[in-house]
Amino acid sequence: MISAYFDESAEGDSKSGLLSVSGYALDGAGVDGLVREWGGMLSDFNLSYFHMSECNARSEHRKGAYAKLSDDQCEKCARQAIRIAREHQLHGHSFVLDQSEYRQILENEGFDCDPYTFMVWAAYIHVNKWVHENRRDEKISLFFESGYSSQARASELLEAVSQDEWGGKN
C-alpha cells in the first residue's frame, strides 16, 4: 500500500491569494520509520504534536507547548521534522494556484469545482499516475488534513473517482 499524505496552506482569507496542497507518498516501511522517528522527536522536545507555523513563530508569539522552547530548540526541532519527513518518503508533490485567477478563469465560467477541490483532484491524479508508473502492483490510500471549508466537496469527488478503475485496478 502506498499512503499519500497532504496538507493545505492558504494565503489570506482562503478565497483569494495562493493555495497550496503538498505532501509525500510513503510505503509501509516509510510510514513505520516516519512514525517511529516522529514520536522520538516529539518526545525529545516534550511536544504532543508538531506544527511548523507554531514552531517558527517568534519567541514572544509562541503559545502552548512551543512557548517553553528556546529559539535554538525550535530551530533544531524544525530541522529534525524536515529531515524525518524527507528521509522516509518515496515521492514528494506540491500544487499551488492563485485562487483569484482560478475563479476568474474556471470557476466563474461554469467549471463546478472550487480551488481546493481542484487541487485535491490534481493531487489524486498525480499520485495515481506516479504509483502506476513506479509501484504498479500497489494500491493507494490518500490522507488530507481535515477542516478545510470545502473539504466535503473534495471528499465527494475522491469517493466518486475511487470507484472507477484505471488500468484494471482502483
N, C-alpha and C. Protein backbone atom coordinates (compact mmCIF):
# COMPACT_ATOMS: atom_id res chain seq x y z
N MET A 1 0.85 -1.18 0.00
CA MET A 1 0.00 0.00 0.00
C MET A 1 0.89 1.24 0.00
N ILE A 2 0.58 2.18 -0.88
CA ILE A 2 1.24 3.48 -0.89
C ILE A 2 0.29 4.45 -0.22
N SER A 3 0.77 5.13 0.80
CA SER A 3 -0.04 6.13 1.51
C SER A 3 0.49 7.51 1.14
N ALA A 4 -0.41 8.36 0.71
CA ALA A 4 -0.04 9.73 0.34
C ALA A 4 -0.72 10.68 1.32
N TYR A 5 0.08 11.52 1.96
CA TYR A 5 -0.41 12.46 2.97
C TYR A 5 -0.29 13.87 2.43
N PHE A 6 -1.35 14.67 2.59
CA PHE A 6 -1.39 16.03 2.07
C PHE A 6 -1.77 17.03 3.15
N ASP A 7 -1.29 18.23 2.99
CA ASP A 7 -1.62 19.34 3.87
C ASP A 7 -1.85 20.55 2.97
N GLU A 8 -2.82 21.36 3.32
CA GLU A 8 -3.08 22.56 2.54
C GLU A 8 -2.60 23.78 3.31
N SER A 9 -2.28 24.80 2.57
CA SER A 9 -1.90 26.07 3.17
C SER A 9 -2.46 27.17 2.29
N ALA A 10 -3.24 28.04 2.89
CA ALA A 10 -3.87 29.13 2.13
C ALA A 10 -3.36 30.47 2.62
N GLU A 11 -3.17 31.34 1.67
CA GLU A 11 -2.75 32.71 1.96
C GLU A 11 -4.00 33.57 2.05
N GLY A 12 -4.08 34.39 3.04
CA GLY A 12 -5.20 35.32 3.13
C GLY A 12 -6.45 34.68 3.70
N ASP A 13 -7.58 35.04 3.13
CA ASP A 13 -8.88 34.66 3.67
C ASP A 13 -9.42 33.35 3.11
N SER A 14 -8.63 32.58 2.44
CA SER A 14 -8.97 31.31 1.80
C SER A 14 -9.93 31.47 0.62
N LYS A 15 -10.20 32.68 0.21
CA LYS A 15 -11.00 32.93 -1.00
C LYS A 15 -10.14 33.55 -2.09
N SER A 16 -9.04 34.16 -1.69
CA SER A 16 -8.13 34.77 -2.64
C SER A 16 -6.71 34.44 -2.22
N GLY A 17 -5.75 34.84 -2.99
CA GLY A 17 -4.37 34.54 -2.65
C GLY A 17 -3.98 33.14 -3.08
N LEU A 18 -2.78 32.75 -2.71
CA LEU A 18 -2.27 31.45 -3.12
C LEU A 18 -2.83 30.34 -2.24
N LEU A 19 -3.03 29.19 -2.85
CA LEU A 19 -3.45 27.98 -2.16
C LEU A 19 -2.48 26.89 -2.57
N SER A 20 -1.97 26.15 -1.59
CA SER A 20 -1.04 25.07 -1.85
C SER A 20 -1.57 23.79 -1.21
N VAL A 21 -1.45 22.70 -1.94
CA VAL A 21 -1.70 21.37 -1.41
C VAL A 21 -0.43 20.58 -1.68
N SER A 22 0.24 20.13 -0.62
CA SER A 22 1.53 19.46 -0.76
C SER A 22 1.58 18.24 0.13
N GLY A 23 2.47 17.32 -0.21
CA GLY A 23 2.61 16.15 0.64
C GLY A 23 3.63 15.17 0.14
N TYR A 24 3.60 13.99 0.76
CA TYR A 24 4.54 12.93 0.46
C TYR A 24 3.79 11.61 0.30
N ALA A 25 4.34 10.75 -0.56
CA ALA A 25 3.86 9.37 -0.68
C ALA A 25 4.89 8.47 0.00
N LEU A 26 4.40 7.52 0.79
CA LEU A 26 5.27 6.61 1.53
C LEU A 26 4.76 5.18 1.37
N ASP A 27 5.67 4.23 1.43
CA ASP A 27 5.25 2.84 1.50
C ASP A 27 5.18 2.44 2.98
N GLY A 28 4.87 1.19 3.26
CA GLY A 28 4.73 0.74 4.65
C GLY A 28 5.98 0.97 5.49
N ALA A 29 7.14 0.66 4.93
CA ALA A 29 8.40 0.86 5.67
C ALA A 29 8.63 2.34 5.94
N GLY A 30 8.28 3.19 4.98
CA GLY A 30 8.43 4.63 5.17
C GLY A 30 7.52 5.16 6.26
N VAL A 31 6.27 4.68 6.27
CA VAL A 31 5.33 5.09 7.31
C VAL A 31 5.84 4.66 8.68
N ASP A 32 6.28 3.39 8.78
CA ASP A 32 6.78 2.89 10.06
C ASP A 32 7.98 3.70 10.55
N GLY A 33 8.92 3.98 9.65
CA GLY A 33 10.09 4.76 10.02
C GLY A 33 9.75 6.17 10.43
N LEU A 34 8.84 6.79 9.68
CA LEU A 34 8.44 8.15 10.00
C LEU A 34 7.75 8.21 11.35
N VAL A 35 6.82 7.29 11.60
CA VAL A 35 6.09 7.29 12.86
C VAL A 35 7.05 7.10 14.04
N ARG A 36 7.99 6.18 13.91
CA ARG A 36 8.95 5.92 14.98
C ARG A 36 9.81 7.17 15.26
N GLU A 37 10.40 7.74 14.21
CA GLU A 37 11.27 8.91 14.41
C GLU A 37 10.48 10.14 14.83
N TRP A 38 9.28 10.31 14.29
CA TRP A 38 8.45 11.47 14.64
C TRP A 38 8.10 11.42 16.11
N GLY A 39 7.72 10.24 16.59
CA GLY A 39 7.41 10.08 18.01
C GLY A 39 8.61 10.40 18.88
N GLY A 40 9.80 9.99 18.44
CA GLY A 40 11.02 10.31 19.18
C GLY A 40 11.27 11.81 19.22
N MET A 41 11.05 12.48 18.08
CA MET A 41 11.25 13.93 18.03
C MET A 41 10.28 14.63 19.00
N LEU A 42 9.02 14.23 18.96
CA LEU A 42 8.04 14.84 19.86
C LEU A 42 8.44 14.63 21.31
N SER A 43 8.89 13.43 21.63
CA SER A 43 9.32 13.13 22.99
C SER A 43 10.54 13.96 23.38
N ASP A 44 11.52 14.06 22.49
CA ASP A 44 12.74 14.82 22.78
C ASP A 44 12.45 16.29 23.12
N PHE A 45 11.43 16.86 22.46
CA PHE A 45 11.10 18.26 22.69
C PHE A 45 9.87 18.44 23.57
N ASN A 46 9.38 17.32 24.15
CA ASN A 46 8.23 17.33 25.05
C ASN A 46 7.01 18.00 24.38
N LEU A 47 6.72 17.55 23.16
CA LEU A 47 5.58 18.07 22.39
C LEU A 47 4.57 16.96 22.17
N SER A 48 3.30 17.31 22.12
CA SER A 48 2.27 16.32 21.81
C SER A 48 1.91 16.33 20.32
N TYR A 49 2.33 17.36 19.59
CA TYR A 49 2.10 17.48 18.15
C TYR A 49 3.15 18.44 17.60
N PHE A 50 3.24 18.49 16.27
CA PHE A 50 4.16 19.42 15.64
C PHE A 50 3.42 20.23 14.59
N HIS A 51 3.51 21.55 14.68
CA HIS A 51 3.03 22.48 13.65
C HIS A 51 4.17 23.42 13.33
N MET A 52 4.59 23.42 12.08
CA MET A 52 5.71 24.26 11.68
C MET A 52 5.44 25.73 11.97
N SER A 53 4.23 26.18 11.72
CA SER A 53 3.93 27.60 11.94
C SER A 53 4.09 27.99 13.41
N GLU A 54 3.72 27.12 14.32
CA GLU A 54 3.88 27.40 15.75
C GLU A 54 5.35 27.33 16.16
N CYS A 55 6.06 26.37 15.60
CA CYS A 55 7.48 26.20 15.92
C CYS A 55 8.30 27.39 15.40
N ASN A 56 7.93 27.91 14.23
CA ASN A 56 8.66 29.02 13.61
C ASN A 56 8.25 30.40 14.12
N ALA A 57 7.24 30.47 14.95
CA ALA A 57 6.78 31.78 15.45
C ALA A 57 7.90 32.45 16.26
N ARG A 58 7.90 33.75 16.22
CA ARG A 58 8.87 34.49 17.04
C ARG A 58 8.62 34.14 18.50
N SER A 59 9.68 34.11 19.29
CA SER A 59 9.60 33.63 20.67
C SER A 59 8.50 34.31 21.47
N GLU A 60 8.30 35.61 21.28
CA GLU A 60 7.26 36.31 22.05
C GLU A 60 5.84 35.97 21.61
N HIS A 61 5.70 35.27 20.46
CA HIS A 61 4.38 34.89 19.95
C HIS A 61 4.11 33.40 20.05
N ARG A 62 5.05 32.64 20.56
CA ARG A 62 4.84 31.20 20.69
C ARG A 62 3.84 30.91 21.80
N LYS A 63 3.00 29.91 21.55
CA LYS A 63 1.95 29.56 22.50
C LYS A 63 2.05 28.08 22.86
N GLY A 64 1.34 27.71 23.89
CA GLY A 64 1.23 26.32 24.30
C GLY A 64 2.58 25.68 24.55
N ALA A 65 2.73 24.45 24.06
CA ALA A 65 3.96 23.69 24.28
C ALA A 65 5.18 24.38 23.68
N TYR A 66 4.99 25.17 22.65
CA TYR A 66 6.12 25.83 21.99
C TYR A 66 6.63 27.03 22.78
N ALA A 67 5.81 27.57 23.68
CA ALA A 67 6.21 28.75 24.47
C ALA A 67 7.42 28.45 25.35
N LYS A 68 7.55 27.21 25.77
CA LYS A 68 8.66 26.86 26.67
C LYS A 68 9.96 26.53 25.93
N LEU A 69 9.92 26.46 24.59
CA LEU A 69 11.11 26.15 23.82
C LEU A 69 11.89 27.41 23.47
N SER A 70 13.19 27.31 23.52
CA SER A 70 14.06 28.43 23.13
C SER A 70 14.09 28.52 21.60
N ASP A 71 14.63 29.62 21.09
CA ASP A 71 14.80 29.77 19.65
C ASP A 71 15.65 28.63 19.10
N ASP A 72 16.72 28.28 19.80
CA ASP A 72 17.61 27.21 19.36
C ASP A 72 16.88 25.87 19.34
N GLN A 73 16.09 25.60 20.37
CA GLN A 73 15.33 24.35 20.41
C GLN A 73 14.31 24.29 19.27
N CYS A 74 13.64 25.39 19.01
CA CYS A 74 12.65 25.41 17.92
C CYS A 74 13.33 25.18 16.57
N GLU A 75 14.48 25.78 16.38
CA GLU A 75 15.20 25.58 15.12
C GLU A 75 15.62 24.12 14.97
N LYS A 76 16.14 23.52 16.04
CA LYS A 76 16.55 22.11 15.99
C LYS A 76 15.34 21.20 15.72
N CYS A 77 14.23 21.49 16.38
CA CYS A 77 13.02 20.70 16.19
C CYS A 77 12.52 20.79 14.75
N ALA A 78 12.48 22.00 14.19
CA ALA A 78 12.02 22.19 12.82
C ALA A 78 12.93 21.47 11.83
N ARG A 79 14.23 21.60 12.03
CA ARG A 79 15.18 20.91 11.13
C ARG A 79 15.03 19.39 11.22
N GLN A 80 14.82 18.89 12.42
CA GLN A 80 14.63 17.46 12.60
C GLN A 80 13.34 17.00 11.92
N ALA A 81 12.26 17.76 12.05
CA ALA A 81 10.99 17.41 11.40
C ALA A 81 11.15 17.36 9.88
N ILE A 82 11.85 18.33 9.32
CA ILE A 82 12.07 18.35 7.87
C ILE A 82 12.90 17.14 7.44
N ARG A 83 13.96 16.85 8.18
CA ARG A 83 14.81 15.69 7.84
C ARG A 83 14.01 14.40 7.89
N ILE A 84 13.21 14.22 8.93
CA ILE A 84 12.42 12.99 9.08
C ILE A 84 11.44 12.85 7.92
N ALA A 85 10.74 13.92 7.59
CA ALA A 85 9.75 13.87 6.51
C ALA A 85 10.42 13.53 5.18
N ARG A 86 11.56 14.09 4.93
CA ARG A 86 12.26 13.85 3.65
C ARG A 86 12.89 12.47 3.59
N GLU A 87 13.32 11.96 4.71
CA GLU A 87 14.07 10.70 4.74
C GLU A 87 13.22 9.49 4.40
N HIS A 88 11.95 9.52 4.73
CA HIS A 88 11.12 8.33 4.61
C HIS A 88 10.17 8.34 3.41
N GLN A 89 10.15 9.39 2.66
CA GLN A 89 9.19 9.49 1.56
C GLN A 89 9.71 8.85 0.29
N LEU A 90 8.79 8.36 -0.53
CA LEU A 90 9.11 7.84 -1.86
C LEU A 90 9.06 8.95 -2.90
N HIS A 91 8.10 9.85 -2.70
CA HIS A 91 7.83 10.87 -3.71
C HIS A 91 7.17 12.07 -3.04
N GLY A 92 7.63 13.25 -3.37
CA GLY A 92 7.02 14.47 -2.86
C GLY A 92 6.21 15.13 -3.96
N HIS A 93 5.18 15.87 -3.57
CA HIS A 93 4.32 16.52 -4.54
C HIS A 93 3.78 17.81 -3.95
N SER A 94 3.68 18.82 -4.79
CA SER A 94 3.16 20.10 -4.34
C SER A 94 2.45 20.80 -5.49
N PHE A 95 1.31 21.36 -5.18
CA PHE A 95 0.49 22.03 -6.19
C PHE A 95 0.11 23.39 -5.63
N VAL A 96 0.27 24.43 -6.43
CA VAL A 96 -0.02 25.79 -5.98
C VAL A 96 -0.83 26.49 -7.06
N LEU A 97 -1.82 27.26 -6.65
CA LEU A 97 -2.55 28.10 -7.60
C LEU A 97 -2.98 29.40 -6.94
N ASP A 98 -3.21 30.38 -7.77
CA ASP A 98 -3.74 31.67 -7.33
C ASP A 98 -5.26 31.55 -7.39
N GLN A 99 -5.91 31.60 -6.24
CA GLN A 99 -7.35 31.36 -6.18
C GLN A 99 -8.16 32.39 -6.97
N SER A 100 -7.74 33.64 -6.94
CA SER A 100 -8.48 34.68 -7.68
C SER A 100 -8.42 34.40 -9.18
N GLU A 101 -7.23 34.05 -9.67
CA GLU A 101 -7.11 33.73 -11.09
C GLU A 101 -7.89 32.47 -11.45
N TYR A 102 -7.83 31.47 -10.57
CA TYR A 102 -8.58 30.24 -10.81
C TYR A 102 -10.07 30.55 -10.97
N ARG A 103 -10.60 31.33 -10.04
CA ARG A 103 -12.03 31.66 -10.10
C ARG A 103 -12.37 32.43 -11.37
N GLN A 104 -11.51 33.35 -11.75
CA GLN A 104 -11.75 34.14 -12.96
C GLN A 104 -11.72 33.26 -14.21
N ILE A 105 -10.78 32.34 -14.27
CA ILE A 105 -10.59 31.53 -15.47
C ILE A 105 -11.55 30.35 -15.52
N LEU A 106 -11.74 29.64 -14.42
CA LEU A 106 -12.52 28.40 -14.44
C LEU A 106 -13.84 28.48 -13.71
N GLU A 107 -13.79 28.73 -12.42
CA GLU A 107 -15.00 28.61 -11.60
C GLU A 107 -16.10 29.56 -12.07
N ASN A 108 -15.76 30.78 -12.38
CA ASN A 108 -16.76 31.76 -12.80
C ASN A 108 -17.24 31.52 -14.23
N GLU A 109 -16.62 30.57 -14.92
CA GLU A 109 -17.02 30.24 -16.29
C GLU A 109 -17.78 28.91 -16.34
N GLY A 110 -18.29 28.46 -15.20
CA GLY A 110 -19.14 27.28 -15.16
C GLY A 110 -18.45 25.99 -14.75
N PHE A 111 -17.15 26.02 -14.46
CA PHE A 111 -16.45 24.82 -14.00
C PHE A 111 -16.85 24.60 -12.55
N ASP A 112 -17.54 23.51 -12.28
CA ASP A 112 -18.13 23.27 -10.96
C ASP A 112 -17.12 22.63 -10.01
N CYS A 113 -16.10 23.39 -9.66
CA CYS A 113 -15.06 22.86 -8.78
C CYS A 113 -14.34 24.05 -8.13
N ASP A 114 -14.39 24.15 -6.82
CA ASP A 114 -13.70 25.23 -6.12
C ASP A 114 -12.19 24.97 -6.15
N PRO A 115 -11.37 25.97 -5.84
CA PRO A 115 -9.91 25.81 -5.93
C PRO A 115 -9.36 24.64 -5.11
N TYR A 116 -9.82 24.45 -3.88
CA TYR A 116 -9.31 23.37 -3.05
C TYR A 116 -9.65 22.01 -3.66
N THR A 117 -10.88 21.84 -4.08
CA THR A 117 -11.29 20.57 -4.68
C THR A 117 -10.48 20.30 -5.95
N PHE A 118 -10.23 21.33 -6.72
CA PHE A 118 -9.41 21.18 -7.92
C PHE A 118 -8.00 20.72 -7.55
N MET A 119 -7.43 21.30 -6.47
CA MET A 119 -6.09 20.92 -6.04
C MET A 119 -6.06 19.48 -5.53
N VAL A 120 -7.08 19.07 -4.81
CA VAL A 120 -7.18 17.69 -4.34
C VAL A 120 -7.25 16.74 -5.55
N TRP A 121 -8.03 17.14 -6.55
CA TRP A 121 -8.14 16.35 -7.78
C TRP A 121 -6.78 16.23 -8.46
N ALA A 122 -6.06 17.34 -8.57
CA ALA A 122 -4.73 17.33 -9.18
C ALA A 122 -3.78 16.41 -8.40
N ALA A 123 -3.84 16.47 -7.09
CA ALA A 123 -3.00 15.62 -6.25
C ALA A 123 -3.34 14.15 -6.47
N TYR A 124 -4.61 13.84 -6.53
CA TYR A 124 -5.06 12.46 -6.77
C TYR A 124 -4.54 11.95 -8.11
N ILE A 125 -4.71 12.73 -9.16
CA ILE A 125 -4.27 12.32 -10.49
C ILE A 125 -2.75 12.11 -10.50
N HIS A 126 -2.03 13.05 -9.91
CA HIS A 126 -0.57 12.97 -9.90
C HIS A 126 -0.07 11.74 -9.15
N VAL A 127 -0.56 11.52 -7.95
CA VAL A 127 -0.12 10.38 -7.16
C VAL A 127 -0.52 9.07 -7.83
N ASN A 128 -1.72 9.02 -8.35
CA ASN A 128 -2.18 7.82 -9.04
C ASN A 128 -1.26 7.51 -10.22
N LYS A 129 -0.94 8.51 -11.01
CA LYS A 129 -0.04 8.32 -12.16
C LYS A 129 1.34 7.85 -11.69
N TRP A 130 1.87 8.49 -10.64
CA TRP A 130 3.19 8.12 -10.14
C TRP A 130 3.20 6.66 -9.67
N VAL A 131 2.18 6.26 -8.93
CA VAL A 131 2.12 4.88 -8.43
C VAL A 131 2.02 3.90 -9.59
N HIS A 132 1.20 4.20 -10.58
CA HIS A 132 1.05 3.29 -11.72
C HIS A 132 2.33 3.18 -12.54
N GLU A 133 3.15 4.23 -12.54
CA GLU A 133 4.41 4.19 -13.27
C GLU A 133 5.54 3.57 -12.46
N ASN A 134 5.48 3.65 -11.13
CA ASN A 134 6.61 3.25 -10.29
C ASN A 134 6.34 2.09 -9.34
N ARG A 135 5.12 1.91 -8.93
CA ARG A 135 4.76 0.84 -7.99
C ARG A 135 3.45 0.20 -8.45
N ARG A 136 3.46 -0.26 -9.66
CA ARG A 136 2.29 -0.72 -10.39
C ARG A 136 1.38 -1.67 -9.59
N ASP A 137 1.94 -2.51 -8.76
CA ASP A 137 1.14 -3.52 -8.06
C ASP A 137 0.60 -3.06 -6.71
N GLU A 138 0.80 -1.80 -6.38
CA GLU A 138 0.37 -1.32 -5.07
C GLU A 138 -0.89 -0.49 -5.16
N LYS A 139 -1.70 -0.58 -4.15
CA LYS A 139 -2.89 0.27 -4.05
C LYS A 139 -2.51 1.58 -3.39
N ILE A 140 -3.42 2.54 -3.46
CA ILE A 140 -3.15 3.89 -2.96
C ILE A 140 -4.17 4.25 -1.89
N SER A 141 -3.67 4.88 -0.84
CA SER A 141 -4.52 5.43 0.20
C SER A 141 -4.15 6.91 0.36
N LEU A 142 -5.12 7.80 0.27
CA LEU A 142 -4.87 9.24 0.35
C LEU A 142 -5.37 9.79 1.68
N PHE A 143 -4.58 10.69 2.27
CA PHE A 143 -4.95 11.33 3.53
C PHE A 143 -4.79 12.83 3.37
N PHE A 144 -5.85 13.58 3.67
CA PHE A 144 -5.83 15.03 3.60
C PHE A 144 -6.13 15.59 4.98
N GLU A 145 -5.46 16.68 5.33
CA GLU A 145 -5.73 17.33 6.60
C GLU A 145 -7.21 17.71 6.66
N SER A 146 -7.83 17.50 7.79
CA SER A 146 -9.25 17.81 7.91
C SER A 146 -9.47 19.28 8.26
N GLY A 147 -10.64 19.76 7.92
CA GLY A 147 -11.04 21.08 8.36
C GLY A 147 -11.13 22.16 7.30
N TYR A 148 -10.70 21.88 6.06
CA TYR A 148 -10.78 22.94 5.05
C TYR A 148 -12.25 23.19 4.69
N SER A 149 -12.60 24.42 4.39
CA SER A 149 -14.00 24.80 4.21
C SER A 149 -14.74 24.00 3.13
N SER A 150 -14.07 23.60 2.06
CA SER A 150 -14.74 22.83 1.00
C SER A 150 -14.30 21.37 0.98
N GLN A 151 -13.87 20.88 2.13
CA GLN A 151 -13.39 19.50 2.21
C GLN A 151 -14.49 18.50 1.85
N ALA A 152 -15.73 18.76 2.23
CA ALA A 152 -16.80 17.82 1.93
C ALA A 152 -16.95 17.62 0.43
N ARG A 153 -16.86 18.70 -0.33
CA ARG A 153 -16.96 18.62 -1.79
C ARG A 153 -15.79 17.82 -2.35
N ALA A 154 -14.58 18.07 -1.86
CA ALA A 154 -13.40 17.33 -2.32
C ALA A 154 -13.53 15.85 -1.99
N SER A 155 -14.03 15.54 -0.81
CA SER A 155 -14.22 14.14 -0.40
C SER A 155 -15.22 13.43 -1.30
N GLU A 156 -16.29 14.12 -1.67
CA GLU A 156 -17.29 13.55 -2.59
C GLU A 156 -16.64 13.20 -3.93
N LEU A 157 -15.83 14.12 -4.44
CA LEU A 157 -15.16 13.88 -5.72
C LEU A 157 -14.24 12.67 -5.62
N LEU A 158 -13.41 12.60 -4.58
CA LEU A 158 -12.50 11.48 -4.43
C LEU A 158 -13.25 10.16 -4.27
N GLU A 159 -14.33 10.18 -3.54
CA GLU A 159 -15.14 8.97 -3.36
C GLU A 159 -15.68 8.49 -4.70
N ALA A 160 -16.16 9.42 -5.52
CA ALA A 160 -16.70 9.05 -6.82
C ALA A 160 -15.62 8.48 -7.74
N VAL A 161 -14.46 9.13 -7.82
CA VAL A 161 -13.42 8.64 -8.74
C VAL A 161 -12.74 7.38 -8.22
N SER A 162 -12.76 7.14 -6.91
CA SER A 162 -12.13 5.93 -6.39
C SER A 162 -12.88 4.68 -6.81
N GLN A 163 -14.11 4.84 -7.25
CA GLN A 163 -14.89 3.70 -7.71
C GLN A 163 -14.53 3.29 -9.13
N ASP A 164 -13.91 4.22 -9.88
CA ASP A 164 -13.51 3.91 -11.26
C ASP A 164 -12.22 3.10 -11.24
N GLU A 165 -11.98 2.40 -12.33
CA GLU A 165 -10.75 1.64 -12.44
C GLU A 165 -9.84 2.28 -13.47
N TRP A 166 -8.55 2.23 -13.19
CA TRP A 166 -7.53 2.76 -14.09
C TRP A 166 -6.58 1.60 -14.38
N GLY A 167 -6.57 1.17 -15.62
CA GLY A 167 -5.69 0.05 -15.96
C GLY A 167 -6.09 -1.24 -15.26
N GLY A 168 -7.37 -1.39 -14.94
CA GLY A 168 -7.85 -2.63 -14.35
C GLY A 168 -7.80 -2.68 -12.83
N LYS A 169 -7.39 -1.58 -12.19
CA LYS A 169 -7.38 -1.59 -10.72
C LYS A 169 -7.72 -0.21 -10.18
N ASN A 170 -8.22 -0.19 -8.95
CA ASN A 170 -8.55 1.08 -8.31
C ASN A 170 -7.27 1.83 -7.98
